[in-house]
Amino acid sequence: MVQMKKFFEENGQGEFSHYQSLQISPIHVHRSKAEHKHAIFILGKEIASIMAHDEFSGAGRTSVRMQELATRAGEEMLH
């Protein structure tokens, strides 16, 4: 997913602001599993949003689902 992020950034697509605001990447081994899980879903949502033409496309549905999973993972971090 990080490679896809890099590809889109190099081609001027997407800012990935929410993912970047988390300040976490795959090499941050000191971060918790829950934090990495949340970051993956946020990144997945942002990638799917770039690929989606509308909310009813396959990628659009993926974007919505990734947001749901990110929300759930974020709630798990609080517990």
PDB file of N, CA and C in Angstrom:
ATOM      1  N   MET A   1       0.816  -1.188   0.000  1.00  0.00           N
ATOM      2  CA  MET A   1       0.000   0.000   0.000  1.00  0.00           C
ATOM      3  C   MET A   1       0.867   1.262   0.000  1.00  0.00           C
ATOM      4  N   VAL A   2       1.984   1.189   0.688  1.00  0.00           N
ATOM      5  CA  VAL A   2       2.877   2.350   0.708  1.00  0.00           C
ATOM      6  C   VAL A   2       3.452   2.590  -0.693  1.00  0.00           C
ATOM      7  N   GLN A   3       3.687   1.520  -1.432  1.00  0.00           N
ATOM      8  CA  GLN A   3       4.175   1.673  -2.811  1.00  0.00           C
ATOM      9  C   GLN A   3       3.106   2.323  -3.683  1.00  0.00           C
ATOM     10  N   MET A   4       1.848   1.959  -3.471  1.00  0.00           N
ATOM     11  CA  MET A   4       0.753   2.605  -4.216  1.00  0.00           C
ATOM     12  C   MET A   4       0.678   4.081  -3.853  1.00  0.00           C
ATOM     13  N   LYS A   5       0.830   4.385  -2.574  1.00  0.00           N
ATOM     14  CA  LYS A   5       0.827   5.781  -2.115  1.00  0.00           C
ATOM     15  C   LYS A   5       1.929   6.556  -2.827  1.00  0.00           C
ATOM     16  N   LYS A   6       3.119   5.975  -2.865  1.00  0.00           N
ATOM     17  CA  LYS A   6       4.259   6.622  -3.514  1.00  0.00           C
ATOM     18  C   LYS A   6       3.958   6.858  -4.995  1.00  0.00           C
ATOM     19  N   PHE A   7       3.385   5.867  -5.664  1.00  0.00           N
ATOM     20  CA  PHE A   7       3.040   5.991  -7.080  1.00  0.00           C
ATOM     21  C   PHE A   7       2.089   7.158  -7.307  1.00  0.00           C
ATOM     22  N   PHE A   8       1.018   7.220  -6.523  1.00  0.00           N
ATOM     23  CA  PHE A   8       0.036   8.294  -6.693  1.00  0.00           C
ATOM     24  C   PHE A   8       0.654   9.657  -6.402  1.00  0.00           C
ATOM     25  N   GLU A   9       1.485   9.742  -5.382  1.00  0.00           N
ATOM     26  CA  GLU A   9       2.137  11.016  -5.061  1.00  0.00           C
ATOM     27  C   GLU A   9       3.057  11.454  -6.191  1.00  0.00           C
ATOM     28  N   GLU A  10       3.806  10.512  -6.753  1.00  0.00           N
ATOM     29  CA  GLU A  10       4.724  10.847  -7.848  1.00  0.00           C
ATOM     30  C   GLU A  10       3.983  11.304  -9.092  1.00  0.00           C
ATOM     31  N   ASN A  11       2.732  10.886  -9.221  1.00  0.00           N
ATOM     32  CA  ASN A  11       1.925  11.269 -10.379  1.00  0.00           C
ATOM     33  C   ASN A  11       0.956  12.403 -10.064  1.00  0.00           C
ATOM     34  N   GLY A  12       1.185  13.069  -8.937  1.00  0.00           N
ATOM     35  CA  GLY A  12       0.398  14.238  -8.575  1.00  0.00           C
ATOM     36  C   GLY A  12      -1.036  13.941  -8.175  1.00  0.00           C
ATOM     37  N   GLN A  13      -1.286  12.734  -7.695  1.00  0.00           N
ATOM     38  CA  GLN A  13      -2.634  12.360  -7.277  1.00  0.00           C
ATOM     39  C   GLN A  13      -2.638  12.102  -5.779  1.00  0.00           C
ATOM     40  N   GLY A  14      -3.483  12.791  -5.077  1.00  0.00           N
ATOM     41  CA  GLY A  14      -3.649  12.543  -3.652  1.00  0.00           C
ATOM     42  C   GLY A  14      -2.601  13.194  -2.785  1.00  0.00           C
ATOM     43  N   GLU A  15      -3.056  13.638  -1.626  1.00  0.00           N
ATOM     44  CA  GLU A  15      -2.165  14.256  -0.653  1.00  0.00           C
ATOM     45  C   GLU A  15      -1.924  13.356   0.546  1.00  0.00           C
ATOM     46  N   PHE A  16      -2.836  12.424   0.802  1.00  0.00           N
ATOM     47  CA  PHE A  16      -2.720  11.486   1.917  1.00  0.00           C
ATOM     48  C   PHE A  16      -2.541  12.222   3.241  1.00  0.00           C
ATOM     49  N   SER A  17      -3.261  13.323   3.399  1.00  0.00           N
ATOM     50  CA  SER A  17      -3.091  14.172   4.585  1.00  0.00           C
ATOM     51  C   SER A  17      -3.493  13.469   5.885  1.00  0.00           C
ATOM     52  N   HIS A  18      -4.561  12.687   5.846  1.00  0.00           N
ATOM     53  CA  HIS A  18      -4.983  12.010   7.078  1.00  0.00           C
ATOM     54  C   HIS A  18      -3.943  10.963   7.477  1.00  0.00           C
ATOM     55  N   TYR A  19      -3.479  10.167   6.509  1.00  0.00           N
ATOM     56  CA  TYR A  19      -2.455   9.154   6.793  1.00  0.00           C
ATOM     57  C   TYR A  19      -1.179   9.822   7.317  1.00  0.00           C
ATOM     58  N   GLN A  20      -0.744  10.899   6.677  1.00  0.00           N
ATOM     59  CA  GLN A  20       0.483  11.573   7.099  1.00  0.00           C
ATOM     60  C   GLN A  20       0.331  12.200   8.482  1.00  0.00           C
ATOM     61  N   SER A  21      -0.875  12.634   8.818  1.00  0.00           N
ATOM     62  CA  SER A  21      -1.080  13.243  10.137  1.00  0.00           C
ATOM     63  C   SER A  21      -0.901  12.224  11.271  1.00  0.00           C
ATOM     64  N   LEU A  22      -1.018  10.936  10.955  1.00  0.00           N
ATOM     65  CA  LEU A  22      -0.822   9.898  11.965  1.00  0.00           C
ATOM     66  C   LEU A  22       0.651   9.735  12.337  1.00  0.00           C
ATOM     67  N   GLN A  23       1.534  10.198  11.465  1.00  0.00           N
ATOM     68  CA  GLN A  23       2.988  10.112  11.665  1.00  0.00           C
ATOM     69  C   GLN A  23       3.418   8.688  12.012  1.00  0.00           C
ATOM     70  N   ILE A  24       2.995   7.745  11.164  1.00  0.00           N
ATOM     71  CA  ILE A  24       3.347   6.339  11.342  1.00  0.00           C
ATOM     72  C   ILE A  24       3.627   5.750   9.965  1.00  0.00           C
ATOM     73  N   SER A  25       4.596   4.878   9.907  1.00  0.00           N
ATOM     74  CA  SER A  25       4.912   4.177   8.664  1.00  0.00           C
ATOM     75  C   SER A  25       5.271   2.738   9.004  1.00  0.00           C
ATOM     76  N   PRO A  26       5.383   1.891   7.992  1.00  0.00           N
ATOM     77  CA  PRO A  26       5.687   0.478   8.255  1.00  0.00           C
ATOM     78  C   PRO A  26       6.982   0.253   9.033  1.00  0.00           C
ATOM     79  N   ILE A  27       7.909   1.187   9.004  1.00  0.00           N
ATOM     80  CA  ILE A  27       9.183   0.986   9.700  1.00  0.00           C
ATOM     81  C   ILE A  27       9.135   1.387  11.177  1.00  0.00           C
ATOM     82  N   HIS A  28       8.044   1.949  11.623  1.00  0.00           N
ATOM     83  CA  HIS A  28       7.910   2.365  13.018  1.00  0.00           C
ATOM     84  C   HIS A  28       7.528   1.179  13.887  1.00  0.00           C
ATOM     85  N   VAL A  29       8.512   0.367  14.213  1.00  0.00           N
ATOM     86  CA  VAL A  29       8.276  -0.862  14.966  1.00  0.00           C
ATOM     87  C   VAL A  29       7.919  -0.590  16.434  1.00  0.00           C
ATOM     88  N   HIS A  30       8.181   0.612  16.914  1.00  0.00           N
ATOM     89  CA  HIS A  30       7.873   0.948  18.303  1.00  0.00           C
ATOM     90  C   HIS A  30       6.396   1.290  18.500  1.00  0.00           C
ATOM     91  N   ARG A  31       5.652   1.443  17.411  1.00  0.00           N
ATOM     92  CA  ARG A  31       4.229   1.754  17.504  1.00  0.00           C
ATOM     93  C   ARG A  31       3.429   0.473  17.702  1.00  0.00           C
ATOM     94  N   SER A  32       2.276   0.582  18.301  1.00  0.00           N
ATOM     95  CA  SER A  32       1.470  -0.596  18.613  1.00  0.00           C
ATOM     96  C   SER A  32       0.830  -1.195  17.363  1.00  0.00           C
ATOM     97  N   LYS A  33       0.459  -2.453  17.503  1.00  0.00           N
ATOM     98  CA  LYS A  33      -0.229  -3.146  16.409  1.00  0.00           C
ATOM     99  C   LYS A  33      -1.529  -2.416  16.071  1.00  0.00           C
ATOM    100  N   ALA A  34      -2.235  -1.944  17.080  1.00  0.00           N
ATOM    101  CA  ALA A  34      -3.492  -1.224  16.865  1.00  0.00           C
ATOM    102  C   ALA A  34      -3.260   0.059  16.065  1.00  0.00           C
ATOM    103  N   GLU A  35      -2.176   0.775  16.352  1.00  0.00           N
ATOM    104  CA  GLU A  35      -1.866   2.004  15.615  1.00  0.00           C
ATOM    105  C   GLU A  35      -1.555   1.698  14.153  1.00  0.00           C
ATOM    106  N   HIS A  36      -0.807   0.632  13.916  1.00  0.00           N
ATOM    107  CA  HIS A  36      -0.496   0.236  12.537  1.00  0.00           C
ATOM    108  C   HIS A  36      -1.764  -0.192  11.795  1.00  0.00           C
ATOM    109  N   LYS A  37      -2.622  -0.928  12.468  1.00  0.00           N
ATOM    110  CA  LYS A  37      -3.879  -1.384  11.873  1.00  0.00           C
ATOM    111  C   LYS A  37      -4.728  -0.179  11.467  1.00  0.00           C
ATOM    112  N   HIS A  38      -4.847   0.783  12.356  1.00  0.00           N
ATOM    113  CA  HIS A  38      -5.610   2.001  12.076  1.00  0.00           C
ATOM    114  C   HIS A  38      -5.007   2.739  10.877  1.00  0.00           C
ATOM    115  N   ALA A  39      -3.691   2.870  10.856  1.00  0.00           N
ATOM    116  CA  ALA A  39      -3.011   3.575   9.760  1.00  0.00           C
ATOM    117  C   ALA A  39      -3.236   2.874   8.420  1.00  0.00           C
ATOM    118  N   ILE A  40      -3.216   1.548   8.419  1.00  0.00           N
ATOM    119  CA  ILE A  40      -3.436   0.793   7.182  1.00  0.00           C
ATOM    120  C   ILE A  40      -4.825   1.081   6.627  1.00  0.00           C
ATOM    121  N   PHE A  41      -5.821   1.098   7.499  1.00  0.00           N
ATOM    122  CA  PHE A  41      -7.185   1.359   7.028  1.00  0.00           C
ATOM    123  C   PHE A  41      -7.341   2.795   6.527  1.00  0.00           C
ATOM    124  N   ILE A  42      -6.700   3.740   7.189  1.00  0.00           N
ATOM    125  CA  ILE A  42      -6.740   5.133   6.724  1.00  0.00           C
ATOM    126  C   ILE A  42      -6.078   5.238   5.352  1.00  0.00           C
ATOM    127  N   LEU A  43      -4.906   4.632   5.202  1.00  0.00           N
ATOM    128  CA  LEU A  43      -4.214   4.667   3.916  1.00  0.00           C
ATOM    129  C   LEU A  43      -5.051   3.975   2.849  1.00  0.00           C
ATOM    130  N   GLY A  44      -5.650   2.835   3.175  1.00  0.00           N
ATOM    131  CA  GLY A  44      -6.506   2.131   2.224  1.00  0.00           C
ATOM    132  C   GLY A  44      -7.681   2.973   1.780  1.00  0.00           C
ATOM    133  N   LYS A  45      -8.277   3.698   2.715  1.00  0.00           N
ATOM    134  CA  LYS A  45      -9.393   4.578   2.379  1.00  0.00           C
ATOM    135  C   LYS A  45      -8.949   5.671   1.419  1.00  0.00           C
ATOM    136  N   GLU A  46      -7.804   6.278   1.696  1.00  0.00           N
ATOM    137  CA  GLU A  46      -7.330   7.371   0.841  1.00  0.00           C
ATOM    138  C   GLU A  46      -6.957   6.859  -0.554  1.00  0.00           C
ATOM    139  N   ILE A  47      -6.352   5.692  -0.650  1.00  0.00           N
ATOM    140  CA  ILE A  47      -6.022   5.110  -1.956  1.00  0.00           C
ATOM    141  C   ILE A  47      -7.297   4.788  -2.716  1.00  0.00           C
ATOM    142  N   ALA A  48      -8.242   4.145  -2.051  1.00  0.00           N
ATOM    143  CA  ALA A  48      -9.508   3.790  -2.704  1.00  0.00           C
ATOM    144  C   ALA A  48     -10.263   5.033  -3.159  1.00  0.00           C
ATOM    145  N   SER A  49     -10.182   6.101  -2.379  1.00  0.00           N
ATOM    146  CA  SER A  49     -10.848   7.351  -2.758  1.00  0.00           C
ATOM    147  C   SER A  49     -10.271   7.916  -4.047  1.00  0.00           C
ATOM    148  N   ILE A  50      -8.968   7.814  -4.215  1.00  0.00           N
ATOM    149  CA  ILE A  50      -8.328   8.291  -5.438  1.00  0.00           C
ATOM    150  C   ILE A  50      -8.783   7.450  -6.635  1.00  0.00           C
ATOM    151  N   MET A  51      -8.901   6.158  -6.418  1.00  0.00           N
ATOM    152  CA  MET A  51      -9.250   5.244  -7.498  1.00  0.00           C
ATOM    153  C   MET A  51     -10.745   5.254  -7.827  1.00  0.00           C
ATOM    154  N   ALA A  52     -11.574   5.729  -6.920  1.00  0.00           N
ATOM    155  CA  ALA A  52     -13.028   5.685  -7.091  1.00  0.00           C
ATOM    156  C   ALA A  52     -13.514   6.803  -8.015  1.00  0.00           C
ATOM    157  N   HIS A  53     -14.423   6.447  -8.880  1.00  0.00           N
ATOM    158  CA  HIS A  53     -15.071   7.460  -9.715  1.00  0.00           C
ATOM    159  C   HIS A  53     -16.345   7.958  -9.043  1.00  0.00           C
ATOM    160  N   ASP A  54     -16.965   7.097  -8.266  1.00  0.00           N
ATOM    161  CA  ASP A  54     -18.133   7.469  -7.480  1.00  0.00           C
ATOM    162  C   ASP A  54     -18.259   6.493  -6.321  1.00  0.00           C
ATOM    163  N   GLU A  55     -19.146   6.787  -5.401  1.00  0.00           N
ATOM    164  CA  GLU A  55     -19.263   5.957  -4.199  1.00  0.00           C
ATOM    165  C   GLU A  55     -19.842   4.570  -4.474  1.00  0.00           C
ATOM    166  N   PHE A  56     -20.365   4.339  -5.692  1.00  0.00           N
ATOM    167  CA  PHE A  56     -20.969   3.050  -6.001  1.00  0.00           C
ATOM    168  C   PHE A  56     -20.030   2.137  -6.788  1.00  0.00           C
ATOM    169  N   SER A  57     -18.863   2.652  -7.188  1.00  0.00           N
ATOM    170  CA  SER A  57     -17.879   1.822  -7.879  1.00  0.00           C
ATOM    171  C   SER A  57     -17.250   0.865  -6.876  1.00  0.00           C
ATOM    172  N   GLY A  58     -16.552  -0.133  -7.371  1.00  0.00           N
ATOM    173  CA  GLY A  58     -15.865  -1.076  -6.480  1.00  0.00           C
ATOM    174  C   GLY A  58     -14.910  -0.355  -5.552  1.00  0.00           C
ATOM    175  N   ALA A  59     -14.120   0.549  -6.096  1.00  0.00           N
ATOM    176  CA  ALA A  59     -13.165   1.299  -5.277  1.00  0.00           C
ATOM    177  C   ALA A  59     -13.893   2.250  -4.332  1.00  0.00           C
ATOM    178  N   GLY A  60     -15.019   2.797  -4.764  1.00  0.00           N
ATOM    179  CA  GLY A  60     -15.800   3.678  -3.895  1.00  0.00           C
ATOM    180  C   GLY A  60     -16.332   2.926  -2.694  1.00  0.00           C
ATOM    181  N   ARG A  61     -16.816   1.712  -2.919  1.00  0.00           N
ATOM    182  CA  ARG A  61     -17.296   0.895  -1.808  1.00  0.00           C
ATOM    183  C   ARG A  61     -16.136   0.511  -0.893  1.00  0.00           C
ATOM    184  N   THR A  62     -14.963   0.249  -1.487  1.00  0.00           N
ATOM    185  CA  THR A  62     -13.776  -0.074  -0.691  1.00  0.00           C
ATOM    186  C   THR A  62     -13.399   1.105   0.192  1.00  0.00           C
ATOM    187  N   SER A  63     -13.479   2.301  -0.354  1.00  0.00           N
ATOM    188  CA  SER A  63     -13.157   3.502   0.412  1.00  0.00           C
ATOM    189  C   SER A  63     -14.077   3.627   1.625  1.00  0.00           C
ATOM    190  N   VAL A  64     -15.363   3.421   1.419  1.00  0.00           N
ATOM    191  CA  VAL A  64     -16.328   3.509   2.514  1.00  0.00           C
ATOM    192  C   VAL A  64     -16.030   2.439   3.559  1.00  0.00           C
ATOM    193  N   ARG A  65     -15.751   1.219   3.116  1.00  0.00           N
ATOM    194  CA  ARG A  65     -15.471   0.126   4.049  1.00  0.00           C
ATOM    195  C   ARG A  65     -14.182   0.387   4.829  1.00  0.00           C
ATOM    196  N   MET A  66     -13.145   0.900   4.166  1.00  0.00           N
ATOM    197  CA  MET A  66     -11.892   1.212   4.847  1.00  0.00           C
ATOM    198  C   MET A  66     -12.115   2.266   5.924  1.00  0.00           C
ATOM    199  N   GLN A  67     -12.978   3.247   5.644  1.00  0.00           N
ATOM    200  CA  GLN A  67     -13.280   4.265   6.655  1.00  0.00           C
ATOM    201  C   GLN A  67     -13.959   3.629   7.859  1.00  0.00           C
ATOM    202  N   GLU A  68     -14.881   2.702   7.611  1.00  0.00           N
ATOM    203  CA  GLU A  68     -15.549   2.009   8.714  1.00  0.00           C
ATOM    204  C   GLU A  68     -14.535   1.235   9.554  1.00  0.00           C
ATOM    205  N   LEU A  69     -13.620   0.527   8.883  1.00  0.00           N
ATOM    206  CA  LEU A  69     -12.606  -0.253   9.597  1.00  0.00           C
ATOM    207  C   LEU A  69     -11.633   0.650  10.344  1.00  0.00           C
ATOM    208  N   ALA A  70     -11.283   1.795   9.750  1.00  0.00           N
ATOM    209  CA  ALA A  70     -10.386   2.744  10.412  1.00  0.00           C
ATOM    210  C   ALA A  70     -11.037   3.291  11.682  1.00  0.00           C
ATOM    211  N   THR A  71     -12.316   3.598  11.591  1.00  0.00           N
ATOM    212  CA  THR A  71     -13.041   4.098  12.764  1.00  0.00           C
ATOM    213  C   THR A  71     -13.042   3.051  13.870  1.00  0.00           C
ATOM    214  N   ARG A  72     -13.329   1.820  13.500  1.00  0.00           N
ATOM    215  CA  ARG A  72     -13.353   0.740  14.495  1.00  0.00           C
ATOM    216  C   ARG A  72     -11.966   0.532  15.103  1.00  0.00           C
ATOM    217  N   ALA A  73     -10.917   0.539  14.261  1.00  0.00           N
ATOM    218  CA  ALA A  73      -9.557   0.354  14.764  1.00  0.00           C
ATOM    219  C   ALA A  73      -9.162   1.519  15.677  1.00  0.00           C
ATOM    220  N   GLY A  74      -9.591   2.737  15.333  1.00  0.00           N
ATOM    221  CA  GLY A  74      -9.320   3.889  16.180  1.00  0.00           C
ATOM    222  C   GLY A  74      -9.976   3.761  17.548  1.00  0.00           C
ATOM    223  N   GLU A  75     -11.192   3.239  17.555  1.00  0.00           N
ATOM    224  CA  GLU A  75     -11.902   3.025  18.818  1.00  0.00           C
ATOM    225  C   GLU A  75     -11.208   1.969  19.657  1.00  0.00           C
ATOM    226  N   GLU A  76     -10.657   0.934  19.006  1.00  0.00           N
ATOM    227  CA  GLU A  76      -9.937  -0.121  19.728  1.00  0.00           C
ATOM    228  C   GLU A  76      -8.687   0.436  20.404  1.00  0.00           C
ATOM    229  N   MET A  77      -8.052   1.435  19.800  1.00  0.00           N
ATOM    230  CA  MET A  77      -6.843   2.021  20.396  1.00  0.00           C
ATOM    231  C   MET A  77      -7.174   2.733  21.700  1.00  0.00           C
ATOM    232  N   LEU A  78      -8.390   3.195  21.835  1.00  0.00           N
ATOM    233  CA  LEU A  78      -8.787   3.942  23.024  1.00  0.00           C
ATOM    234  C   LEU A  78      -9.069   3.028  24.218  1.00  0.00           C
ATOM    235  N   HIS A  79      -9.233   1.754  23.956  1.00  0.00           N
ATOM    236  CA  HIS A  79      -9.579   0.806  25.031  1.00  0.00           C
ATOM    237  C   HIS A  79      -8.365   0.132  25.587  1.00  0.00           C
TER     238      HIS A  79
END
